[in-house]
Amino acid sequence: MVNVAARLGLADQVAGQSKTLSELAAATGT
């Protein structure tokens, strides 16, 4: 799961600003 988070860049996505599920899914193509 950490591997998936790293490859999707989830930490970059939420750095400094929280995101909704739909925002994260759209940004990561998941």
PDB file of all heavy atoms in Angstrom:
ATOM      1  N   MET A   1       0.832  -1.203   0.000  1.00  0.00           N
ATOM      2  CA  MET A   1       0.000   0.000   0.000  1.00  0.00           C
ATOM      3  C   MET A   1       0.865   1.251   0.000  1.00  0.00           C
ATOM      4  O   MET A   1       0.528   2.254  -0.642  1.00  0.00           O
ATOM      5  CB  MET A   1      -0.957  -0.024   1.197  1.00  0.00           C
ATOM      6  CG  MET A   1      -2.105  -1.014   1.026  1.00  0.00           C
ATOM      7  SD  MET A   1      -3.355  -0.890   2.324  1.00  0.00           S
ATOM      8  CE  MET A   1      -2.509  -1.709   3.686  1.00  0.00           C
ATOM      9  N   VAL A   2       1.992   1.203   0.701  1.00  0.00           N
ATOM     10  CA  VAL A   2       2.940   2.314   0.661  1.00  0.00           C
ATOM     11  C   VAL A   2       3.505   2.470  -0.752  1.00  0.00           C
ATOM     12  O   VAL A   2       3.694   3.591  -1.246  1.00  0.00           O
ATOM     13  CB  VAL A   2       4.074   2.096   1.685  1.00  0.00           C
ATOM     14  CG1 VAL A   2       5.203   3.111   1.486  1.00  0.00           C
ATOM     15  CG2 VAL A   2       3.525   2.194   3.112  1.00  0.00           C
ATOM     16  N   ASN A   3       3.765   1.342  -1.412  1.00  0.00           N
ATOM     17  CA  ASN A   3       4.241   1.375  -2.792  1.00  0.00           C
ATOM     18  C   ASN A   3       3.228   2.083  -3.694  1.00  0.00           C
ATOM     19  O   ASN A   3       3.599   2.944  -4.504  1.00  0.00           O
ATOM     20  CB  ASN A   3       4.473  -0.056  -3.281  1.00  0.00           C
ATOM     21  CG  ASN A   3       4.968  -0.126  -4.711  1.00  0.00           C
ATOM     22  OD1 ASN A   3       5.731   0.718  -5.162  1.00  0.00           O
ATOM     23  ND2 ASN A   3       4.536  -1.136  -5.442  1.00  0.00           N
ATOM     24  N   VAL A   4       1.963   1.736  -3.549  1.00  0.00           N
ATOM     25  CA  VAL A   4       0.910   2.377  -4.341  1.00  0.00           C
ATOM     26  C   VAL A   4       0.854   3.876  -4.037  1.00  0.00           C
ATOM     27  O   VAL A   4       0.764   4.710  -4.948  1.00  0.00           O
ATOM     28  CB  VAL A   4      -0.452   1.706  -4.068  1.00  0.00           C
ATOM     29  CG1 VAL A   4      -1.598   2.536  -4.637  1.00  0.00           C
ATOM     30  CG2 VAL A   4      -0.466   0.306  -4.666  1.00  0.00           C
ATOM     31  N   ALA A   5       0.903   4.217  -2.755  1.00  0.00           N
ATOM     32  CA  ALA A   5       0.864   5.629  -2.366  1.00  0.00           C
ATOM     33  C   ALA A   5       2.036   6.398  -2.965  1.00  0.00           C
ATOM     34  O   ALA A   5       1.875   7.534  -3.449  1.00  0.00           O
ATOM     35  CB  ALA A   5       0.872   5.745  -0.840  1.00  0.00           C
ATOM     36  N   ALA A   6       3.212   5.783  -2.958  1.00  0.00           N
ATOM     37  CA  ALA A   6       4.391   6.444  -3.509  1.00  0.00           C
ATOM     38  C   ALA A   6       4.267   6.620  -5.015  1.00  0.00           C
ATOM     39  O   ALA A   6       4.537   7.700  -5.559  1.00  0.00           O
ATOM     40  CB  ALA A   6       5.639   5.633  -3.163  1.00  0.00           C
ATOM     41  N   ARG A   7       3.855   5.575  -5.712  1.00  0.00           N
ATOM     42  CA  ARG A   7       3.766   5.652  -7.172  1.00  0.00           C
ATOM     43  C   ARG A   7       2.665   6.604  -7.627  1.00  0.00           C
ATOM     44  O   ARG A   7       2.801   7.260  -8.672  1.00  0.00           O
ATOM     45  CB  ARG A   7       3.541   4.247  -7.750  1.00  0.00           C
ATOM     46  CG  ARG A   7       4.760   3.366  -7.598  1.00  0.00           C
ATOM     47  CD  ARG A   7       4.606   1.984  -8.187  1.00  0.00           C
ATOM     48  NE  ARG A   7       5.829   1.229  -7.974  1.00  0.00           N
ATOM     49  CZ  ARG A   7       6.899   1.271  -8.774  1.00  0.00           C
ATOM     50  NH1 ARG A   7       6.882   2.018  -9.858  1.00  0.00           N
ATOM     51  NH2 ARG A   7       7.972   0.564  -8.492  1.00  0.00           N
ATOM     52  N   LEU A   8       1.600   6.709  -6.874  1.00  0.00           N
ATOM     53  CA  LEU A   8       0.527   7.645  -7.218  1.00  0.00           C
ATOM     54  C   LEU A   8       0.846   9.080  -6.788  1.00  0.00           C
ATOM     55  O   LEU A   8       0.145  10.012  -7.190  1.00  0.00           O
ATOM     56  CB  LEU A   8      -0.788   7.208  -6.563  1.00  0.00           C
ATOM     57  CG  LEU A   8      -1.396   5.898  -7.063  1.00  0.00           C
ATOM     58  CD1 LEU A   8      -2.663   5.582  -6.276  1.00  0.00           C
ATOM     59  CD2 LEU A   8      -1.693   5.959  -8.557  1.00  0.00           C
ATOM     60  N   GLY A   9       1.891   9.245  -5.971  1.00  0.00           N
ATOM     61  CA  GLY A   9       2.240  10.588  -5.495  1.00  0.00           C
ATOM     62  C   GLY A   9       1.203  11.162  -4.545  1.00  0.00           C
ATOM     63  O   GLY A   9       0.969  12.382  -4.521  1.00  0.00           O
ATOM     64  N   LEU A  10       0.598  10.301  -3.717  1.00  0.00           N
ATOM     65  CA  LEU A  10      -0.446  10.770  -2.801  1.00  0.00           C
ATOM     66  C   LEU A  10       0.081  11.796  -1.801  1.00  0.00           C
ATOM     67  O   LEU A  10      -0.618  12.752  -1.450  1.00  0.00           O
ATOM     68  CB  LEU A  10      -1.062   9.582  -2.057  1.00  0.00           C
ATOM     69  CG  LEU A  10      -1.900   8.610  -2.898  1.00  0.00           C
ATOM     70  CD1 LEU A  10      -2.392   7.452  -2.039  1.00  0.00           C
ATOM     71  CD2 LEU A  10      -3.075   9.332  -3.546  1.00  0.00           C
ATOM     72  N   ALA A  11       1.313  11.604  -1.351  1.00  0.00           N
ATOM     73  CA  ALA A  11       1.876  12.551  -0.380  1.00  0.00           C
ATOM     74  C   ALA A  11       2.021  13.936  -0.990  1.00  0.00           C
ATOM     75  O   ALA A  11       1.786  14.953  -0.320  1.00  0.00           O
ATOM     76  CB  ALA A  11       3.228  12.040   0.118  1.00  0.00           C
ATOM     77  N   ASP A  12       2.398  13.993  -2.256  1.00  0.00           N
ATOM     78  CA  ASP A  12       2.482  15.291  -2.937  1.00  0.00           C
ATOM     79  C   ASP A  12       1.099  15.915  -3.087  1.00  0.00           C
ATOM     80  O   ASP A  12       0.932  17.138  -2.968  1.00  0.00           O
ATOM     81  CB  ASP A  12       3.102  15.113  -4.326  1.00  0.00           C
ATOM     82  CG  ASP A  12       4.586  14.783  -4.268  1.00  0.00           C
ATOM     83  OD1 ASP A  12       5.212  15.078  -3.237  1.00  0.00           O
ATOM     84  OD2 ASP A  12       5.106  14.233  -5.251  1.00  0.00           O
ATOM     85  N   GLN A  13       0.104  15.076  -3.345  1.00  0.00           N
ATOM     86  CA  GLN A  13      -1.253  15.584  -3.567  1.00  0.00           C
ATOM     87  C   GLN A  13      -1.826  16.266  -2.324  1.00  0.00           C
ATOM     88  O   GLN A  13      -2.537  17.282  -2.444  1.00  0.00           O
ATOM     89  CB  GLN A  13      -2.169  14.431  -3.997  1.00  0.00           C
ATOM     90  CG  GLN A  13      -1.906  13.895  -5.385  1.00  0.00           C
ATOM     91  CD  GLN A  13      -2.241  14.897  -6.476  1.00  0.00           C
ATOM     92  OE1 GLN A  13      -3.172  15.700  -6.325  1.00  0.00           O
ATOM     93  NE2 GLN A  13      -1.485  14.867  -7.565  1.00  0.00           N
ATOM     94  N   VAL A  14      -1.530  15.721  -1.145  1.00  0.00           N
ATOM     95  CA  VAL A  14      -2.135  16.274   0.078  1.00  0.00           C
ATOM     96  C   VAL A  14      -1.191  17.205   0.829  1.00  0.00           C
ATOM     97  O   VAL A  14      -1.556  17.726   1.884  1.00  0.00           O
ATOM     98  CB  VAL A  14      -2.617  15.144   1.017  1.00  0.00           C
ATOM     99  CG1 VAL A  14      -3.670  14.295   0.331  1.00  0.00           C
ATOM    100  CG2 VAL A  14      -1.444  14.274   1.477  1.00  0.00           C
ATOM    101  N   ALA A  15      -0.013  17.427   0.295  1.00  0.00           N
ATOM    102  CA  ALA A  15       0.949  18.308   0.967  1.00  0.00           C
ATOM    103  C   ALA A  15       0.428  19.743   0.952  1.00  0.00           C
ATOM    104  O   ALA A  15       0.206  20.320  -0.107  1.00  0.00           O
ATOM    105  CB  ALA A  15       2.301  18.236   0.276  1.00  0.00           C
ATOM    106  N   GLY A  16       0.212  20.292   2.130  1.00  0.00           N
ATOM    107  CA  GLY A  16      -0.200  21.693   2.233  1.00  0.00           C
ATOM    108  C   GLY A  16      -1.686  21.947   2.045  1.00  0.00           C
ATOM    109  O   GLY A  16      -2.184  23.018   2.392  1.00  0.00           O
ATOM    110  N   GLN A  17      -2.405  21.003   1.480  1.00  0.00           N
ATOM    111  CA  GLN A  17      -3.841  21.194   1.259  1.00  0.00           C
ATOM    112  C   GLN A  17      -4.545  19.851   1.224  1.00  0.00           C
ATOM    113  O   GLN A  17      -4.196  18.979   0.439  1.00  0.00           O
ATOM    114  CB  GLN A  17      -4.092  21.945  -0.053  1.00  0.00           C
ATOM    115  CG  GLN A  17      -5.566  22.256  -0.289  1.00  0.00           C
ATOM    116  CD  GLN A  17      -5.772  23.064  -1.569  1.00  0.00           C
ATOM    117  OE1 GLN A  17      -4.824  23.361  -2.273  1.00  0.00           O
ATOM    118  NE2 GLN A  17      -7.023  23.412  -1.860  1.00  0.00           N
ATOM    119  N   SER A  18      -5.537  19.672   2.071  1.00  0.00           N
ATOM    120  CA  SER A  18      -6.288  18.416   2.098  1.00  0.00           C
ATOM    121  C   SER A  18      -7.138  18.298   0.832  1.00  0.00           C
ATOM    122  O   SER A  18      -7.510  19.298   0.210  1.00  0.00           O
ATOM    123  CB  SER A  18      -7.160  18.341   3.347  1.00  0.00           C
ATOM    124  OG  SER A  18      -8.043  19.448   3.408  1.00  0.00           O
ATOM    125  N   LYS A  19      -7.452  17.054   0.455  1.00  0.00           N
ATOM    126  CA  LYS A  19      -8.182  16.797  -0.784  1.00  0.00           C
ATOM    127  C   LYS A  19      -9.336  15.836  -0.523  1.00  0.00           C
ATOM    128  O   LYS A  19      -9.268  14.976   0.361  1.00  0.00           O
ATOM    129  CB  LYS A  19      -7.239  16.183  -1.829  1.00  0.00           C
ATOM    130  CG  LYS A  19      -6.061  17.047  -2.229  1.00  0.00           C
ATOM    131  CD  LYS A  19      -6.472  18.174  -3.159  1.00  0.00           C
ATOM    132  CE  LYS A  19      -5.293  19.044  -3.552  1.00  0.00           C
ATOM    133  NZ  LYS A  19      -4.286  18.314  -4.342  1.00  0.00           N
ATOM    134  N   THR A  20     -10.375  15.954  -1.323  1.00  0.00           N
ATOM    135  CA  THR A  20     -11.479  15.014  -1.257  1.00  0.00           C
ATOM    136  C   THR A  20     -11.106  13.733  -1.995  1.00  0.00           C
ATOM    137  O   THR A  20     -10.145  13.700  -2.775  1.00  0.00           O
ATOM    138  CB  THR A  20     -12.751  15.594  -1.907  1.00  0.00           C
ATOM    139  OG1 THR A  20     -12.506  15.781  -3.308  1.00  0.00           O
ATOM    140  CG2 THR A  20     -13.132  16.918  -1.264  1.00  0.00           C
ATOM    141  N   LEU A  21     -11.885  12.698  -1.785  1.00  0.00           N
ATOM    142  CA  LEU A  21     -11.647  11.440  -2.481  1.00  0.00           C
ATOM    143  C   LEU A  21     -11.745  11.629  -3.992  1.00  0.00           C
ATOM    144  O   LEU A  21     -10.912  11.125  -4.749  1.00  0.00           O
ATOM    145  CB  LEU A  21     -12.642  10.380  -2.014  1.00  0.00           C
ATOM    146  CG  LEU A  21     -12.589   9.036  -2.752  1.00  0.00           C
ATOM    147  CD1 LEU A  21     -11.228   8.371  -2.565  1.00  0.00           C
ATOM    148  CD2 LEU A  21     -13.715   8.121  -2.267  1.00  0.00           C
ATOM    149  N   SER A  22     -12.756  12.344  -4.439  1.00  0.00           N
ATOM    150  CA  SER A  22     -12.929  12.525  -5.884  1.00  0.00           C
ATOM    151  C   SER A  22     -11.764  13.301  -6.477  1.00  0.00           C
ATOM    152  O   SER A  22     -11.330  13.022  -7.604  1.00  0.00           O
ATOM    153  CB  SER A  22     -14.256  13.235  -6.171  1.00  0.00           C
ATOM    154  OG  SER A  22     -14.302  14.512  -5.557  1.00  0.00           O
ATOM    155  N   GLU A  23     -11.247  14.275  -5.746  1.00  0.00           N
ATOM    156  CA  GLU A  23     -10.091  15.043  -6.227  1.00  0.00           C
ATOM    157  C   GLU A  23      -8.862  14.144  -6.360  1.00  0.00           C
ATOM    158  O   GLU A  23      -8.124  14.211  -7.351  1.00  0.00           O
ATOM    159  CB  GLU A  23      -9.798  16.208  -5.286  1.00  0.00           C
ATOM    160  CG  GLU A  23     -10.818  17.331  -5.368  1.00  0.00           C
ATOM    161  CD  GLU A  23     -10.602  18.394  -4.309  1.00  0.00           C
ATOM    162  OE1 GLU A  23     -10.088  18.067  -3.210  1.00  0.00           O
ATOM    163  OE2 GLU A  23     -10.974  19.560  -4.567  1.00  0.00           O
ATOM    164  N   LEU A  24      -8.644  13.292  -5.352  1.00  0.00           N
ATOM    165  CA  LEU A  24      -7.476  12.402  -5.392  1.00  0.00           C
ATOM    166  C   LEU A  24      -7.622  11.366  -6.499  1.00  0.00           C
ATOM    167  O   LEU A  24      -6.654  11.064  -7.211  1.00  0.00           O
ATOM    168  CB  LEU A  24      -7.298  11.704  -4.037  1.00  0.00           C
ATOM    169  CG  LEU A  24      -6.775  12.570  -2.899  1.00  0.00           C
ATOM    170  CD1 LEU A  24      -6.723  11.761  -1.604  1.00  0.00           C
ATOM    171  CD2 LEU A  24      -5.387  13.116  -3.220  1.00  0.00           C
ATOM    172  N   ALA A  25      -8.813  10.826  -6.656  1.00  0.00           N
ATOM    173  CA  ALA A  25      -9.027   9.827  -7.699  1.00  0.00           C
ATOM    174  C   ALA A  25      -8.823  10.428  -9.079  1.00  0.00           C
ATOM    175  O   ALA A  25      -8.204   9.813  -9.965  1.00  0.00           O
ATOM    176  CB  ALA A  25     -10.417   9.226  -7.574  1.00  0.00           C
ATOM    177  N   ALA A  26      -9.315  11.642  -9.273  1.00  0.00           N
ATOM    178  CA  ALA A  26      -9.159  12.298 -10.572  1.00  0.00           C
ATOM    179  C   ALA A  26      -7.693  12.617 -10.846  1.00  0.00           C
ATOM    180  O   ALA A  26      -7.204  12.446 -11.969  1.00  0.00           O
ATOM    181  CB  ALA A  26      -9.993  13.576 -10.611  1.00  0.00           C
ATOM    182  N   ALA A  27      -6.986  13.081  -9.829  1.00  0.00           N
ATOM    183  CA  ALA A  27      -5.584  13.470 -10.004  1.00  0.00           C
ATOM    184  C   ALA A  27      -4.674  12.276 -10.248  1.00  0.00           C
ATOM    185  O   ALA A  27      -3.642  12.403 -10.909  1.00  0.00           O
ATOM    186  CB  ALA A  27      -5.108  14.244  -8.775  1.00  0.00           C
ATOM    187  N   THR A  28      -5.061  11.113  -9.722  1.00  0.00           N
ATOM    188  CA  THR A  28      -4.200   9.926  -9.834  1.00  0.00           C
ATOM    189  C   THR A  28      -4.705   8.920 -10.861  1.00  0.00           C
ATOM    190  O   THR A  28      -4.053   7.893 -11.086  1.00  0.00           O
ATOM    191  CB  THR A  28      -4.072   9.229  -8.467  1.00  0.00           C
ATOM    192  OG1 THR A  28      -5.385   8.860  -7.980  1.00  0.00           O
ATOM    193  CG2 THR A  28      -3.403  10.138  -7.451  1.00  0.00           C
ATOM    194  N   GLY A  29      -5.862   9.186 -11.458  1.00  0.00           N
ATOM    195  CA  GLY A  29      -6.405   8.277 -12.454  1.00  0.00           C
ATOM    196  C   GLY A  29      -6.768   6.921 -11.896  1.00  0.00           C
ATOM    197  O   GLY A  29      -6.483   5.882 -12.495  1.00  0.00           O
ATOM    198  N   THR A  30      -7.397   6.914 -10.722  1.00  0.00           N
ATOM    199  CA  THR A  30      -7.715   5.659 -10.042  1.00  0.00           C
ATOM    200  C   THR A  30      -9.222   5.500  -9.844  1.00  0.00           C
ATOM    201  O   THR A  30     -10.005   6.448  -9.995  1.00  0.00           O
ATOM    202  CB  THR A  30      -7.016   5.586  -8.669  1.00  0.00           C
ATOM    203  OG1 THR A  30      -7.357   6.762  -7.909  1.00  0.00           O
ATOM    204  CG2 THR A  30      -5.511   5.512  -8.833  1.00  0.00           C
TER     205      THR A  30
END
